[in-house]
Amino acid sequence: MATVPFAPPSRHLISVDAFHRMGETGILGPADRVELIDGEIFDMSPIGVMHAAIVDALLRYFSRSVGESAVIRCQNPLRLDEFSEPEPDVAILRPRADCYTTAHPGPADVLLVIEVADTSLAYDLGTKVPLYARHGIPEVWVIDAATRQTQVFRQPGGSGETARATSGGYVTEASIAPHGSLCCADVVDAAGQPVVIELTRLLPSLA
């Protein structure tokens, strides 16, 4: 009796354009907190109190510090390719002549991405950080809202660096305690100096 070859079912990937049409036609509504990752729609975790507070503190600090040297965006789309459009908690972008009125930012526009995690820490570290690395996002911070510990990822693998990259896809990975200093070399103030952040100075002490 002949053996019937087994072929696993293939996935139907959704493009960014189709994803947008789903919103325009009402398939996805304003209340649907979703993002498109590698052609699949993922529900985003609810935003907890500490998550929101950390994001607010980061926005206030960066907005005061960078002036006109960068554009600060909060939970807005970042188009990485035809099938991925995540919405990072904070994205710090290069200024662009069109002020981002003609298209969402892409990888070349990004200086720094920050994700704040309540219950999504495993998802952020296991799915989103490698996604950002594959698309050449130069630096990513993942802040654990519960502990305020920050994982810092720099120098995405590529250009001969793949063998040195960590499991997250970045060559350099560090864990920064809440009282430690966070700094991205490409995010600078009006004087051209890197902006330095200490979470313990931005927020009340943990109980």
N, C-alpha and C. Protein backbone atom coordinates (compact mmCIF):
# COMPACT_ATOMS: atom_id res chain seq x y z
N MET A 1 0.84 -1.19 0.00
CA MET A 1 0.00 0.00 0.00
C MET A 1 0.88 1.25 0.00
N ALA A 2 0.62 2.12 -0.93
CA ALA A 2 1.45 3.31 -1.07
C ALA A 2 1.27 4.24 0.13
N THR A 3 2.37 4.81 0.55
CA THR A 3 2.34 5.78 1.64
C THR A 3 1.94 7.15 1.11
N VAL A 4 0.94 7.72 1.76
CA VAL A 4 0.48 9.04 1.34
C VAL A 4 1.36 10.08 2.02
N PRO A 5 2.04 10.90 1.24
CA PRO A 5 2.90 11.91 1.86
C PRO A 5 2.10 12.89 2.70
N PHE A 6 2.67 13.24 3.84
CA PHE A 6 2.00 14.18 4.73
C PHE A 6 2.57 15.58 4.53
N ALA A 7 1.68 16.51 4.28
CA ALA A 7 2.10 17.90 4.14
C ALA A 7 1.35 18.73 5.17
N PRO A 8 2.07 19.30 6.10
CA PRO A 8 1.39 20.12 7.12
C PRO A 8 0.70 21.31 6.47
N PRO A 9 -0.41 21.75 7.04
CA PRO A 9 -1.10 22.91 6.46
C PRO A 9 -0.23 24.16 6.56
N SER A 10 -0.31 24.97 5.53
CA SER A 10 0.46 26.21 5.54
C SER A 10 -0.35 27.33 6.16
N ARG A 11 0.34 28.31 6.71
CA ARG A 11 -0.33 29.45 7.30
C ARG A 11 -0.60 30.50 6.24
N HIS A 12 -1.73 31.16 6.38
CA HIS A 12 -2.05 32.28 5.49
C HIS A 12 -1.61 33.55 6.19
N LEU A 13 -0.55 34.15 5.68
CA LEU A 13 0.00 35.34 6.33
C LEU A 13 -0.75 36.58 5.88
N ILE A 14 -0.95 37.48 6.81
CA ILE A 14 -1.66 38.73 6.55
C ILE A 14 -0.63 39.83 6.33
N SER A 15 -0.78 40.56 5.24
CA SER A 15 0.14 41.67 4.97
C SER A 15 -0.27 42.89 5.78
N VAL A 16 0.65 43.83 5.89
CA VAL A 16 0.34 45.07 6.59
C VAL A 16 -0.81 45.81 5.91
N ASP A 17 -0.81 45.82 4.58
CA ASP A 17 -1.89 46.50 3.86
C ASP A 17 -3.24 45.85 4.15
N ALA A 18 -3.29 44.51 4.17
CA ALA A 18 -4.54 43.81 4.48
C ALA A 18 -4.95 44.07 5.93
N PHE A 19 -3.97 44.13 6.80
CA PHE A 19 -4.23 44.44 8.22
C PHE A 19 -4.90 45.80 8.36
N HIS A 20 -4.41 46.78 7.62
CA HIS A 20 -5.00 48.11 7.66
C HIS A 20 -6.42 48.10 7.09
N ARG A 21 -6.63 47.32 6.04
CA ARG A 21 -7.97 47.26 5.46
C ARG A 21 -8.96 46.63 6.45
N MET A 22 -8.49 45.70 7.26
CA MET A 22 -9.35 45.11 8.29
C MET A 22 -9.82 46.16 9.28
N GLY A 23 -8.98 47.13 9.55
CA GLY A 23 -9.38 48.23 10.42
C GLY A 23 -10.33 49.19 9.72
N GLU A 24 -10.04 49.47 8.46
CA GLU A 24 -10.87 50.41 7.71
C GLU A 24 -12.29 49.88 7.50
N THR A 25 -12.44 48.56 7.35
CA THR A 25 -13.75 47.98 7.08
C THR A 25 -14.49 47.54 8.34
N GLY A 26 -13.86 47.71 9.51
CA GLY A 26 -14.53 47.39 10.75
C GLY A 26 -14.33 45.97 11.24
N ILE A 27 -13.55 45.17 10.53
CA ILE A 27 -13.26 43.82 11.02
C ILE A 27 -12.49 43.92 12.33
N LEU A 28 -11.57 44.85 12.37
CA LEU A 28 -10.89 45.19 13.63
C LEU A 28 -11.40 46.55 14.06
N GLY A 29 -11.88 46.65 15.30
CA GLY A 29 -12.44 47.90 15.79
C GLY A 29 -11.48 48.67 16.65
N PRO A 30 -11.84 49.89 17.04
CA PRO A 30 -10.97 50.72 17.87
C PRO A 30 -10.62 50.07 19.21
N ALA A 31 -11.49 49.20 19.69
CA ALA A 31 -11.23 48.55 20.99
C ALA A 31 -10.28 47.37 20.88
N ASP A 32 -9.97 46.94 19.68
CA ASP A 32 -9.09 45.79 19.48
C ASP A 32 -7.63 46.24 19.59
N ARG A 33 -6.96 45.85 20.68
CA ARG A 33 -5.55 46.18 20.86
C ARG A 33 -4.73 45.04 20.29
N VAL A 34 -4.36 45.18 19.02
CA VAL A 34 -3.65 44.11 18.32
C VAL A 34 -2.47 44.70 17.55
N GLU A 35 -1.53 43.82 17.22
CA GLU A 35 -0.42 44.22 16.37
C GLU A 35 -0.07 43.06 15.45
N LEU A 36 0.55 43.37 14.32
CA LEU A 36 0.86 42.38 13.31
C LEU A 36 2.34 42.01 13.39
N ILE A 37 2.61 40.73 13.63
CA ILE A 37 3.97 40.23 13.76
C ILE A 37 4.16 39.05 12.82
N ASP A 38 5.05 39.18 11.86
CA ASP A 38 5.33 38.09 10.92
C ASP A 38 4.06 37.54 10.28
N GLY A 39 3.14 38.43 9.93
CA GLY A 39 1.93 38.02 9.22
C GLY A 39 0.83 37.48 10.10
N GLU A 40 1.00 37.49 11.43
CA GLU A 40 -0.02 37.00 12.36
C GLU A 40 -0.45 38.12 13.29
N ILE A 41 -1.74 38.12 13.62
CA ILE A 41 -2.29 39.14 14.50
C ILE A 41 -2.19 38.67 15.95
N PHE A 42 -1.56 39.49 16.78
CA PHE A 42 -1.40 39.17 18.20
C PHE A 42 -2.19 40.17 19.04
N ASP A 43 -2.92 39.65 20.03
CA ASP A 43 -3.55 40.52 21.02
C ASP A 43 -2.46 41.09 21.92
N MET A 44 -2.55 42.37 22.21
CA MET A 44 -1.63 42.99 23.13
C MET A 44 -2.20 42.94 24.55
N SER A 45 -1.34 42.78 25.51
CA SER A 45 -1.77 42.68 26.91
C SER A 45 -2.40 43.99 27.37
N PRO A 46 -3.36 43.92 28.29
CA PRO A 46 -3.91 45.16 28.87
C PRO A 46 -2.79 45.97 29.53
N ILE A 47 -2.95 47.28 29.51
CA ILE A 47 -1.95 48.17 30.10
C ILE A 47 -2.25 48.37 31.58
N GLY A 48 -1.35 47.88 32.43
CA GLY A 48 -1.53 48.01 33.86
C GLY A 48 -1.11 49.39 34.37
N VAL A 49 -1.38 49.63 35.64
CA VAL A 49 -1.10 50.94 36.24
C VAL A 49 0.39 51.29 36.18
N MET A 50 1.25 50.34 36.60
CA MET A 50 2.69 50.62 36.60
C MET A 50 3.23 50.75 35.18
N HIS A 51 2.72 49.92 34.27
CA HIS A 51 3.11 50.01 32.86
C HIS A 51 2.84 51.42 32.35
N ALA A 52 1.62 51.91 32.56
CA ALA A 52 1.26 53.24 32.08
C ALA A 52 2.12 54.32 32.73
N ALA A 53 2.38 54.18 34.03
CA ALA A 53 3.17 55.19 34.74
C ALA A 53 4.60 55.26 34.21
N ILE A 54 5.20 54.11 33.93
CA ILE A 54 6.56 54.09 33.41
C ILE A 54 6.61 54.72 32.02
N VAL A 55 5.65 54.36 31.17
CA VAL A 55 5.60 54.94 29.82
C VAL A 55 5.44 56.46 29.90
N ASP A 56 4.53 56.92 30.77
CA ASP A 56 4.33 58.36 30.93
C ASP A 56 5.62 59.06 31.38
N ALA A 57 6.32 58.45 32.35
CA ALA A 57 7.56 59.05 32.85
C ALA A 57 8.62 59.12 31.76
N LEU A 58 8.73 58.07 30.97
CA LEU A 58 9.71 58.06 29.86
C LEU A 58 9.38 59.14 28.84
N LEU A 59 8.10 59.27 28.51
CA LEU A 59 7.70 60.27 27.52
C LEU A 59 8.01 61.68 28.02
N ARG A 60 7.68 61.96 29.27
CA ARG A 60 7.96 63.29 29.81
C ARG A 60 9.45 63.59 29.78
N TYR A 61 10.24 62.61 30.22
CA TYR A 61 11.68 62.85 30.32
C TYR A 61 12.31 63.03 28.94
N PHE A 62 12.01 62.12 28.03
CA PHE A 62 12.60 62.23 26.69
C PHE A 62 12.12 63.49 25.98
N SER A 63 10.84 63.83 26.11
CA SER A 63 10.32 65.01 25.43
C SER A 63 11.02 66.28 25.90
N ARG A 64 11.29 66.37 27.21
CA ARG A 64 12.02 67.53 27.74
C ARG A 64 13.47 67.54 27.29
N SER A 65 14.05 66.34 27.16
CA SER A 65 15.50 66.24 26.97
C SER A 65 15.95 66.37 25.52
N VAL A 66 15.22 65.78 24.59
CA VAL A 66 15.74 65.70 23.22
C VAL A 66 15.39 66.92 22.38
N GLY A 67 14.38 67.67 22.77
CA GLY A 67 14.03 68.84 21.98
C GLY A 67 13.69 68.48 20.54
N GLU A 68 14.33 69.17 19.61
CA GLU A 68 14.07 68.94 18.18
C GLU A 68 15.00 67.89 17.58
N SER A 69 15.84 67.26 18.41
CA SER A 69 16.82 66.32 17.86
C SER A 69 16.23 64.96 17.54
N ALA A 70 15.01 64.69 18.01
CA ALA A 70 14.38 63.39 17.75
C ALA A 70 12.87 63.55 17.86
N VAL A 71 12.16 62.54 17.37
CA VAL A 71 10.70 62.48 17.45
C VAL A 71 10.34 61.36 18.41
N ILE A 72 9.47 61.65 19.37
CA ILE A 72 9.07 60.65 20.37
C ILE A 72 7.67 60.16 20.03
N ARG A 73 7.51 58.85 19.90
CA ARG A 73 6.19 58.28 19.62
C ARG A 73 5.83 57.25 20.68
N CYS A 74 4.53 57.17 20.98
CA CYS A 74 4.04 56.27 22.02
C CYS A 74 2.97 55.35 21.44
N GLN A 75 3.26 54.04 21.47
CA GLN A 75 2.29 53.01 21.10
C GLN A 75 1.66 53.28 19.74
N ASN A 76 2.52 53.68 18.79
CA ASN A 76 2.12 53.91 17.41
C ASN A 76 2.81 52.91 16.49
N PRO A 77 2.26 52.69 15.28
CA PRO A 77 2.80 51.66 14.40
C PRO A 77 4.23 51.94 13.94
N LEU A 78 4.98 50.86 13.83
CA LEU A 78 6.33 50.86 13.27
C LEU A 78 6.35 49.79 12.18
N ARG A 79 6.41 50.21 10.93
CA ARG A 79 6.34 49.25 9.83
C ARG A 79 7.73 48.69 9.54
N LEU A 80 7.92 47.43 9.89
CA LEU A 80 9.23 46.80 9.72
C LEU A 80 9.39 46.18 8.34
N ASP A 81 8.32 45.58 7.82
CA ASP A 81 8.36 45.01 6.47
C ASP A 81 6.92 44.78 6.03
N GLU A 82 6.73 43.97 5.00
CA GLU A 82 5.39 43.75 4.44
C GLU A 82 4.46 43.04 5.40
N PHE A 83 5.02 42.30 6.38
CA PHE A 83 4.19 41.47 7.24
C PHE A 83 4.29 41.80 8.73
N SER A 84 5.01 42.83 9.10
CA SER A 84 5.18 43.14 10.52
C SER A 84 5.01 44.63 10.77
N GLU A 85 4.10 44.95 11.70
CA GLU A 85 3.89 46.33 12.11
C GLU A 85 3.58 46.36 13.62
N PRO A 86 4.62 46.19 14.45
CA PRO A 86 4.40 46.26 15.90
C PRO A 86 4.10 47.69 16.33
N GLU A 87 3.66 47.82 17.59
CA GLU A 87 3.38 49.12 18.18
C GLU A 87 4.15 49.23 19.50
N PRO A 88 5.42 49.56 19.44
CA PRO A 88 6.21 49.62 20.67
C PRO A 88 5.70 50.70 21.62
N ASP A 89 5.94 50.49 22.91
CA ASP A 89 5.48 51.47 23.90
C ASP A 89 6.08 52.84 23.64
N VAL A 90 7.37 52.88 23.36
CA VAL A 90 8.05 54.14 23.03
C VAL A 90 8.98 53.88 21.87
N ALA A 91 8.94 54.77 20.88
CA ALA A 91 9.90 54.72 19.77
C ALA A 91 10.50 56.11 19.63
N ILE A 92 11.81 56.18 19.62
CA ILE A 92 12.50 57.45 19.42
C ILE A 92 13.08 57.43 18.01
N LEU A 93 12.65 58.40 17.23
CA LEU A 93 12.90 58.37 15.79
C LEU A 93 13.77 59.55 15.35
N ARG A 94 14.41 59.35 14.19
CA ARG A 94 15.11 60.46 13.55
C ARG A 94 14.08 61.46 13.02
N PRO A 95 14.35 62.76 13.10
CA PRO A 95 13.45 63.70 12.45
C PRO A 95 13.41 63.42 10.94
N ARG A 96 12.25 63.60 10.34
CA ARG A 96 12.08 63.34 8.91
C ARG A 96 11.39 64.55 8.27
N ALA A 97 11.77 64.86 7.04
CA ALA A 97 11.27 66.08 6.39
C ALA A 97 9.75 66.12 6.32
N ASP A 98 9.11 64.96 6.16
CA ASP A 98 7.65 64.94 6.04
C ASP A 98 6.95 64.86 7.38
N CYS A 99 7.71 64.90 8.48
CA CYS A 99 7.15 64.80 9.84
C CYS A 99 6.28 63.55 9.99
N TYR A 100 6.59 62.51 9.25
CA TYR A 100 5.89 61.22 9.30
C TYR A 100 4.40 61.36 8.91
N THR A 101 4.12 62.30 8.02
CA THR A 101 2.74 62.48 7.56
C THR A 101 2.43 61.62 6.34
N THR A 102 3.43 61.09 5.66
CA THR A 102 3.19 60.32 4.44
C THR A 102 3.31 58.81 4.63
N ALA A 103 3.97 58.38 5.69
CA ALA A 103 4.16 56.94 5.94
C ALA A 103 4.61 56.73 7.37
N HIS A 104 4.23 55.58 7.91
CA HIS A 104 4.72 55.21 9.24
C HIS A 104 6.24 55.05 9.19
N PRO A 105 6.91 55.23 10.32
CA PRO A 105 8.36 55.02 10.34
C PRO A 105 8.73 53.57 10.03
N GLY A 106 9.90 53.41 9.46
CA GLY A 106 10.46 52.10 9.19
C GLY A 106 11.75 51.91 9.96
N PRO A 107 12.43 50.78 9.78
CA PRO A 107 13.64 50.50 10.55
C PRO A 107 14.71 51.59 10.47
N ALA A 108 14.88 52.19 9.28
CA ALA A 108 15.93 53.20 9.11
C ALA A 108 15.65 54.47 9.90
N ASP A 109 14.42 54.66 10.33
CA ASP A 109 14.04 55.88 11.06
C ASP A 109 14.28 55.76 12.56
N VAL A 110 14.54 54.56 13.06
CA VAL A 110 14.52 54.30 14.50
C VAL A 110 15.89 54.49 15.15
N LEU A 111 15.91 55.20 16.25
CA LEU A 111 17.09 55.31 17.09
C LEU A 111 17.02 54.34 18.26
N LEU A 112 15.83 54.22 18.86
CA LEU A 112 15.65 53.40 20.06
C LEU A 112 14.20 52.98 20.17
N VAL A 113 13.99 51.71 20.54
CA VAL A 113 12.66 51.19 20.85
C VAL A 113 12.66 50.77 22.32
N ILE A 114 11.57 51.10 23.02
CA ILE A 114 11.41 50.70 24.42
C ILE A 114 10.09 49.96 24.57
N GLU A 115 10.15 48.77 25.15
CA GLU A 115 8.96 48.00 25.50
C GLU A 115 8.88 47.91 27.02
N VAL A 116 7.69 48.17 27.57
CA VAL A 116 7.45 48.02 29.00
C VAL A 116 6.52 46.82 29.19
N ALA A 117 6.90 45.90 30.05
CA ALA A 117 6.19 44.63 30.17
C ALA A 117 5.55 44.47 31.54
N ASP A 118 4.23 44.25 31.54
CA ASP A 118 3.52 43.80 32.74
C ASP A 118 3.53 42.27 32.73
N THR A 119 2.63 41.70 31.93
CA THR A 119 2.53 40.24 31.78
C THR A 119 3.15 39.77 30.47
N SER A 120 3.69 40.68 29.68
CA SER A 120 4.16 40.34 28.34
C SER A 120 5.67 40.17 28.25
N LEU A 121 6.35 40.00 29.39
CA LEU A 121 7.81 39.96 29.36
C LEU A 121 8.34 38.85 28.46
N ALA A 122 7.79 37.65 28.57
CA ALA A 122 8.26 36.53 27.74
C ALA A 122 8.02 36.81 26.26
N TYR A 123 6.88 37.39 25.94
CA TYR A 123 6.55 37.73 24.55
C TYR A 123 7.50 38.81 24.02
N ASP A 124 7.74 39.83 24.83
CA ASP A 124 8.63 40.91 24.39
C ASP A 124 10.05 40.39 24.14
N LEU A 125 10.55 39.56 25.07
CA LEU A 125 11.92 39.05 24.95
C LEU A 125 12.03 37.96 23.89
N GLY A 126 11.02 37.10 23.80
CA GLY A 126 11.12 35.95 22.90
C GLY A 126 10.64 36.18 21.50
N THR A 127 9.75 37.16 21.30
CA THR A 127 9.20 37.42 19.97
C THR A 127 9.60 38.78 19.42
N LYS A 128 9.39 39.82 20.20
CA LYS A 128 9.59 41.16 19.66
C LYS A 128 11.06 41.56 19.57
N VAL A 129 11.86 41.22 20.56
CA VAL A 129 13.28 41.57 20.48
C VAL A 129 13.95 40.90 19.27
N PRO A 130 13.77 39.59 19.05
CA PRO A 130 14.36 39.00 17.84
C PRO A 130 13.80 39.62 16.55
N LEU A 131 12.52 39.99 16.55
CA LEU A 131 11.95 40.67 15.38
C LEU A 131 12.67 41.98 15.12
N TYR A 132 12.87 42.78 16.16
CA TYR A 132 13.58 44.04 15.99
C TYR A 132 15.02 43.81 15.51
N ALA A 133 15.66 42.78 16.03
CA ALA A 133 17.03 42.47 15.62
C ALA A 133 17.10 42.13 14.13
N ARG A 134 16.15 41.31 13.67
CA ARG A 134 16.15 40.91 12.26
C ARG A 134 16.00 42.10 11.32
N HIS A 135 15.37 43.15 11.81
CA HIS A 135 15.13 44.32 10.97
C HIS A 135 16.10 45.46 11.26
N GLY A 136 17.12 45.17 12.02
CA GLY A 136 18.20 46.13 12.20
C GLY A 136 17.91 47.29 13.13
N ILE A 137 16.93 47.15 14.03
CA ILE A 137 16.68 48.21 15.01
C ILE A 137 17.91 48.29 15.91
N PRO A 138 18.57 49.45 15.99
CA PRO A 138 19.90 49.49 16.61
C PRO A 138 19.94 49.23 18.09
N GLU A 139 18.86 49.61 18.81
CA GLU A 139 18.87 49.42 20.26
C GLU A 139 17.45 49.22 20.77
N VAL A 140 17.28 48.27 21.70
CA VAL A 140 15.98 47.97 22.29
C VAL A 140 16.15 47.87 23.80
N TRP A 141 15.22 48.51 24.53
CA TRP A 141 15.16 48.33 25.98
C TRP A 141 13.84 47.64 26.31
N VAL A 142 13.90 46.63 27.18
CA VAL A 142 12.70 45.97 27.69
C VAL A 142 12.68 46.15 29.20
N ILE A 143 11.70 46.91 29.69
CA ILE A 143 11.61 47.23 31.11
C ILE A 143 10.54 46.35 31.75
N ASP A 144 10.92 45.61 32.76
CA ASP A 144 9.97 44.81 33.54
C ASP A 144 9.25 45.76 34.51
N ALA A 145 7.96 45.96 34.30
CA ALA A 145 7.21 46.92 35.12
C ALA A 145 7.20 46.54 36.60
N ALA A 146 7.23 45.25 36.89
CA ALA A 146 7.15 44.80 38.28
C ALA A 146 8.43 45.08 39.06
N THR A 147 9.58 44.91 38.42
CA THR A 147 10.86 45.07 39.12
C THR A 147 11.64 46.30 38.67
N ARG A 148 11.24 46.85 37.52
CA ARG A 148 11.95 47.97 36.87
C ARG A 148 13.35 47.59 36.43
N GLN A 149 13.61 46.31 36.35
CA GLN A 149 14.85 45.82 35.75
C GLN A 149 14.74 45.99 34.24
N THR A 150 15.82 46.42 33.61
CA THR A 150 15.79 46.68 32.17
C THR A 150 16.81 45.82 31.45
N GLN A 151 16.34 45.13 30.41
CA GLN A 151 17.25 44.41 29.52
C GLN A 151 17.56 45.31 28.33
N VAL A 152 18.83 45.53 28.09
CA VAL A 152 19.28 46.42 27.02
C VAL A 152 19.92 45.58 25.92
N PHE A 153 19.46 45.78 24.70
CA PHE A 153 19.97 45.04 23.54
C PHE A 153 20.55 46.04 22.55
N ARG A 154 21.79 45.82 22.16
CA ARG A 154 22.46 46.71 21.21
C ARG A 154 23.16 45.91 20.12
N GLN A 155 23.31 46.53 18.97
CA GLN A 155 24.03 45.97 17.83
C GLN A 155 23.40 44.68 17.33
N PRO A 156 22.36 44.83 16.51
CA PRO A 156 21.70 43.63 15.97
C PRO A 156 22.66 42.77 15.17
N GLY A 157 22.52 41.45 15.29
CA GLY A 157 23.37 40.51 14.55
C GLY A 157 23.24 40.71 13.06
N GLY A 158 24.31 40.54 12.36
CA GLY A 158 24.33 40.77 10.92
C GLY A 158 25.69 41.28 10.52
N SER A 159 25.92 41.37 9.24
CA SER A 159 27.20 41.87 8.72
C SER A 159 28.37 41.13 9.34
N GLY A 160 28.24 39.80 9.42
CA GLY A 160 29.30 38.98 9.98
C GLY A 160 29.24 38.81 11.47
N GLU A 161 28.25 39.46 12.13
CA GLU A 161 28.16 39.40 13.59
C GLU A 161 27.19 38.35 14.08
N THR A 162 26.51 37.63 13.17
CA THR A 162 25.46 36.71 13.57
C THR A 162 25.94 35.68 14.59
N ALA A 163 27.14 35.15 14.39
CA ALA A 163 27.65 34.11 15.28
C ALA A 163 27.84 34.62 16.70
N ARG A 164 28.03 35.95 16.83
CA ARG A 164 28.25 36.53 18.16
C ARG A 164 26.95 36.95 18.82
N ALA A 165 25.85 36.95 18.07
CA ALA A 165 24.58 37.46 18.59
C ALA A 165 24.03 36.55 19.68
N THR A 166 23.31 37.16 20.63
CA THR A 166 22.65 36.40 21.68
C THR A 166 21.39 35.76 21.12
N SER A 167 20.65 35.05 21.98
CA SER A 167 19.41 34.43 21.54
C SER A 167 18.38 35.47 21.08
N GLY A 168 18.52 36.70 21.58
CA GLY A 168 17.63 37.77 21.16
C GLY A 168 18.01 38.38 19.83
N GLY A 169 19.14 37.95 19.26
CA GLY A 169 19.54 38.46 17.96
C GLY A 169 20.46 39.66 18.00
N TYR A 170 20.86 40.08 19.20
CA TYR A 170 21.75 41.23 19.36
C TYR A 170 23.12 40.77 19.86
N VAL A 171 24.15 41.49 19.44
CA VAL A 171 25.51 41.14 19.83
C VAL A 171 25.75 41.49 21.30
N THR A 172 25.19 42.61 21.75
CA THR A 172 25.40 43.06 23.12
C THR A 172 24.08 43.04 23.88
N GLU A 173 24.08 42.41 25.05
CA GLU A 173 22.90 42.36 25.90
C GLU A 173 23.34 42.61 27.34
N ALA A 174 22.62 43.47 28.03
CA ALA A 174 22.96 43.79 29.42
C ALA A 174 21.70 43.91 30.25
N SER A 175 21.81 43.62 31.54
CA SER A 175 20.71 43.77 32.48
C SER A 175 21.04 44.93 33.41
N ILE A 176 20.16 45.94 33.44
CA ILE A 176 20.41 47.14 34.21
C ILE A 176 19.44 47.20 35.39
N ALA A 177 19.96 47.35 36.60
CA ALA A 177 19.13 47.44 37.80
C ALA A 177 18.35 48.76 37.79
N PRO A 178 17.26 48.85 38.56
CA PRO A 178 16.44 50.06 38.56
C PRO A 178 17.21 51.34 38.90
N HIS A 179 18.24 51.22 39.74
CA HIS A 179 19.01 52.41 40.12
C HIS A 179 20.14 52.69 39.14
N GLY A 180 20.30 51.83 38.13
CA GLY A 180 21.37 52.03 37.16
C GLY A 180 21.00 53.07 36.12
N SER A 181 21.98 53.49 35.36
CA SER A 181 21.77 54.50 34.32
C SER A 181 21.51 53.85 32.98
N LEU A 182 20.54 54.40 32.25
CA LEU A 182 20.21 53.95 30.91
C LEU A 182 20.55 55.05 29.92
N CYS A 183 21.21 54.66 28.85
CA CYS A 183 21.67 55.66 27.90
C CYS A 183 21.80 55.04 26.52
N CYS A 184 21.26 55.71 25.51
CA CYS A 184 21.44 55.29 24.12
C CYS A 184 22.29 56.35 23.43
N ALA A 185 23.41 55.95 22.87
CA ALA A 185 24.36 56.91 22.30
C ALA A 185 23.75 57.79 21.21
N ASP A 186 22.75 57.27 20.50
CA ASP A 186 22.17 58.03 19.39
C ASP A 186 21.05 58.97 19.81
N VAL A 187 20.60 58.88 21.05
CA VAL A 187 19.53 59.76 21.54
C VAL A 187 20.20 60.86 22.36
N VAL A 188 20.23 62.07 21.80
CA VAL A 188 21.01 63.14 22.40
C VAL A 188 20.13 64.35 22.71
N ASP A 189 20.64 65.20 23.60
CA ASP A 189 19.94 66.43 23.94
C ASP A 189 20.32 67.55 22.97
N ALA A 190 19.87 68.76 23.27
CA ALA A 190 20.12 69.88 22.36
C ALA A 190 21.61 70.20 22.23
N ALA A 191 22.40 69.84 23.24
CA ALA A 191 23.84 70.08 23.19
C ALA A 191 24.60 68.94 22.53
N GLY A 192 23.87 67.92 22.10
CA GLY A 192 24.53 66.79 21.43
C GLY A 192 25.05 65.74 22.38
N GLN A 193 24.66 65.82 23.66
CA GLN A 193 25.11 64.85 24.65
C GLN A 193 24.06 63.75 24.81
N PRO A 194 24.49 62.48 24.98
CA PRO A 194 23.52 61.39 25.16
C PRO A 194 22.62 61.64 26.38
N VAL A 195 21.35 61.34 26.21
CA VAL A 195 20.38 61.50 27.29
C VAL A 195 20.49 60.31 28.23
N VAL A 196 20.66 60.57 29.52
CA VAL A 196 20.82 59.52 30.53
C VAL A 196 19.57 59.47 31.40
N ILE A 197 19.07 58.26 31.63
CA ILE A 197 17.86 58.06 32.43
C ILE A 197 18.16 57.14 33.60
N GLU A 198 17.61 57.49 34.77
CA GLU A 198 17.61 56.59 35.93
C GLU A 198 16.16 56.43 36.37
N LEU A 199 15.63 55.23 36.28
CA LEU A 199 14.22 55.02 36.60
C LEU A 199 13.89 55.40 38.04
N THR A 200 14.85 55.20 38.94
CA THR A 200 14.59 55.54 40.34
C THR A 200 14.40 57.04 40.53
N ARG A 201 14.90 57.85 39.62
CA ARG A 201 14.70 59.30 39.72
C ARG A 201 13.40 59.76 39.06
N LEU A 202 12.83 58.90 38.22
CA LEU A 202 11.61 59.26 37.51
C LEU A 202 10.35 58.82 38.22
N LEU A 203 10.47 57.81 39.09
CA LEU A 203 9.29 57.19 39.69
C LEU A 203 9.48 57.02 41.19
N PRO A 204 8.37 56.96 41.95
CA PRO A 204 8.49 56.67 43.39
C PRO A 204 9.15 55.30 43.60
N SER A 205 9.73 55.12 44.76
CA SER A 205 10.38 53.84 45.07
C SER A 205 9.37 52.71 45.09
N LEU A 206 9.85 51.52 44.74
CA LEU A 206 8.99 50.34 44.81
C LEU A 206 8.64 50.05 46.26
N ALA A 207 7.39 49.60 46.48
CA ALA A 207 6.95 49.29 47.84
C ALA A 207 7.68 48.08 48.35
